Amino acid sequence: MPHKFTKPERLKSRKLIQQLFGGKGNHITVFPIKAVWAYTDAAAPAAPVQFGVSVPARNFAKATARNLLKRRMREAYRLQKLLLYEALQTAPQPTGVALMFIYIGKQEMPYHLIFEKTRICLARIAAAIITGSQKKSPPAR
């Protein structure tokens, strides 16, 4: 599988985003990233995983800082998304996943830390997909 982040893989559907944050989504927090994800219809989306990123303007007033962090998170996901695709192939029932990363840190982190935290998030989500878990994650301590 090529390491590309194609247009069908981008999370843009308002309906899916509302589903993520409307109580049907699961979440995992690995500071400075909060991952919110939910299962979608296997037949509906054009890609098995649809992914989006968000950096709140409350924490980063300058758009250039927000864009830098979004670019770093997208790149880290793009290089490691194979973890999710493999998990979806071994899942008990065919399904799709809508996933959004939210940067919750107050300061910019270097790329190598974002890359490592992204790997941890994706590994936890992949494990939940394989076991078929629908439970909410416990709060981070």
Protein backbone atom coordinates (compact mmCIF):
# COMPACT_ATOMS: atom_id res chain seq x y z
CA MET A 1 0.00 0.00 0.00
CA PRO A 2 1.46 3.36 -0.98
CA HIS A 3 1.96 6.02 1.66
CA LYS A 4 -0.50 8.51 0.22
CA PHE A 5 -3.27 10.52 1.81
CA THR A 6 -5.84 10.66 -0.97
CA LYS A 7 -8.95 12.80 -1.19
CA PRO A 8 -11.42 9.96 -0.36
CA GLU A 9 -9.47 9.33 2.86
CA ARG A 10 -10.09 12.86 4.16
CA LEU A 11 -12.84 13.23 6.73
CA LYS A 12 -15.11 15.97 5.37
CA SER A 13 -18.62 14.66 5.88
CA ARG A 14 -20.54 16.80 8.35
CA LYS A 15 -22.69 13.78 9.19
CA LEU A 16 -19.65 11.64 10.10
CA ILE A 17 -18.08 14.44 12.14
CA GLN A 18 -21.33 14.92 14.09
CA GLN A 19 -21.45 11.16 14.66
CA LEU A 20 -17.91 11.28 16.09
CA PHE A 21 -18.69 14.02 18.59
CA GLY A 22 -22.37 13.23 19.17
CA GLY A 23 -21.78 10.44 21.66
CA LYS A 24 -21.20 7.54 19.27
CA GLY A 25 -17.45 8.07 19.06
CA ASN A 26 -14.78 6.41 21.17
CA HIS A 27 -11.76 8.37 22.30
CA ILE A 28 -8.15 7.74 23.21
CA THR A 29 -5.85 10.39 24.66
CA VAL A 30 -2.09 10.18 24.31
CA PHE A 31 -0.80 13.64 25.16
CA PRO A 32 -0.67 15.86 23.08
CA ILE A 33 -3.11 14.03 20.79
CA LYS A 34 -6.71 13.09 21.45
CA ALA A 35 -8.04 10.59 18.92
CA VAL A 36 -11.81 10.37 18.43
CA TRP A 37 -13.03 7.49 16.28
CA ALA A 38 -16.21 5.66 15.37
CA TYR A 39 -17.24 2.80 13.13
CA THR A 40 -18.93 3.65 9.84
CA ASP A 41 -20.81 1.61 7.26
CA ALA A 42 -18.41 -0.57 5.29
CA ALA A 43 -20.29 0.11 2.05
CA ALA A 44 -20.84 3.86 2.47
CA PRO A 45 -17.38 5.50 2.58
CA ALA A 46 -15.07 5.58 -0.42
CA ALA A 47 -12.12 4.63 1.83
CA PRO A 48 -12.06 2.22 4.79
CA VAL A 49 -10.56 4.91 7.03
CA GLN A 50 -11.47 8.58 6.83
CA PHE A 51 -9.15 10.87 8.77
CA GLY A 52 -9.18 14.51 9.87
CA VAL A 53 -7.11 16.76 12.12
CA SER A 54 -7.91 19.75 14.28
CA VAL A 55 -5.84 22.25 16.23
CA PRO A 56 -7.88 24.66 18.37
CA ALA A 57 -7.38 28.37 17.82
CA ARG A 58 -7.82 28.81 21.57
CA ASN A 59 -4.39 27.21 22.13
CA PHE A 60 -2.63 28.59 19.04
CA ALA A 61 -3.73 32.05 17.98
CA LYS A 62 -1.54 32.19 14.88
CA ALA A 63 -2.77 30.23 11.88
CA THR A 64 0.79 29.38 10.86
CA ALA A 65 1.33 27.49 14.14
CA ARG A 66 -1.97 25.62 13.72
CA ASN A 67 -1.15 24.73 10.13
CA LEU A 68 2.30 23.46 11.09
CA LEU A 69 0.86 21.13 13.74
CA LYS A 70 -1.88 19.89 11.39
CA ARG A 71 0.72 19.19 8.73
CA ARG A 72 2.86 17.24 11.23
CA MET A 73 -0.11 15.15 12.40
CA ARG A 74 -1.24 14.39 8.84
CA GLU A 75 2.27 13.33 7.87
CA ALA A 76 2.65 11.09 10.92
CA TYR A 77 -0.72 9.47 10.16
CA ARG A 78 0.10 9.06 6.47
CA LEU A 79 3.27 7.13 7.23
CA GLN A 80 1.64 4.87 9.84
CA LYS A 81 -1.91 4.33 8.58
CA LEU A 82 -1.04 0.79 7.56
CA LEU A 83 -1.63 -0.25 11.20
CA LEU A 84 -5.33 0.62 10.86
CA TYR A 85 -5.74 -0.92 7.44
CA GLU A 86 -4.26 -4.22 8.64
CA ALA A 87 -6.53 -4.19 11.69
CA LEU A 88 -9.60 -3.60 9.53
CA GLN A 89 -8.68 -6.59 7.36
CA THR A 90 -8.48 -8.87 10.41
CA ALA A 91 -11.58 -7.39 12.10
CA PRO A 92 -14.36 -9.86 12.97
CA GLN A 93 -16.82 -8.07 10.67
CA PRO A 94 -16.11 -5.71 7.79
CA THR A 95 -16.38 -2.10 8.79
CA GLY A 96 -15.02 1.37 8.14
CA VAL A 97 -13.62 3.89 10.59
CA ALA A 98 -13.94 7.68 10.86
CA LEU A 99 -11.00 9.08 12.82
CA MET A 100 -10.06 12.57 13.96
CA PHE A 101 -6.94 13.71 15.78
CA ILE A 102 -7.22 16.79 17.98
CA TYR A 103 -4.06 18.47 19.23
CA ILE A 104 -4.69 19.24 22.90
CA GLY A 105 -1.22 20.47 23.88
CA LYS A 106 -0.55 24.11 24.67
CA GLN A 107 2.92 24.19 23.06
CA GLU A 108 4.30 23.01 19.74
CA MET A 109 5.90 19.57 19.90
CA PRO A 110 8.63 18.42 17.53
CA TYR A 111 7.70 16.05 14.73
CA HIS A 112 9.41 12.98 16.20
CA LEU A 113 7.25 13.19 19.37
CA ILE A 114 4.05 13.65 17.35
CA PHE A 115 5.10 10.67 15.21
CA GLU A 116 5.57 8.47 18.28
CA LYS A 117 2.30 9.54 19.92
CA THR A 118 0.47 8.94 16.65
CA ARG A 119 1.89 5.41 16.52
CA ILE A 120 0.63 4.72 20.05
CA CYS A 121 -2.86 6.07 19.22
CA LEU A 122 -3.12 4.04 16.03
CA ALA A 123 -1.91 0.87 17.78
CA ARG A 124 -4.56 1.26 20.50
CA ILE A 125 -7.31 1.90 17.95
CA ALA A 126 -6.15 -1.09 15.90
CA ALA A 127 -6.27 -3.30 19.00
CA ALA A 128 -9.80 -2.10 19.76
CA ILE A 129 -10.88 -2.82 16.18
CA ILE A 130 -9.45 -6.34 16.27
CA THR A 131 -11.16 -7.17 19.56
CA GLY A 132 -14.38 -5.52 18.36
CA SER A 133 -14.47 -3.18 21.33
CA GLN A 134 -17.14 -0.47 21.32
CA LYS A 135 -16.50 0.77 24.88
CA LYS A 136 -15.38 4.26 25.71
CA SER A 137 -11.76 4.61 26.76
CA PRO A 138 -11.13 5.30 30.44
CA PRO A 139 -10.04 8.85 31.25
CA ALA A 140 -6.32 9.50 31.05
CA ARG A 141 -4.55 10.01 34.34
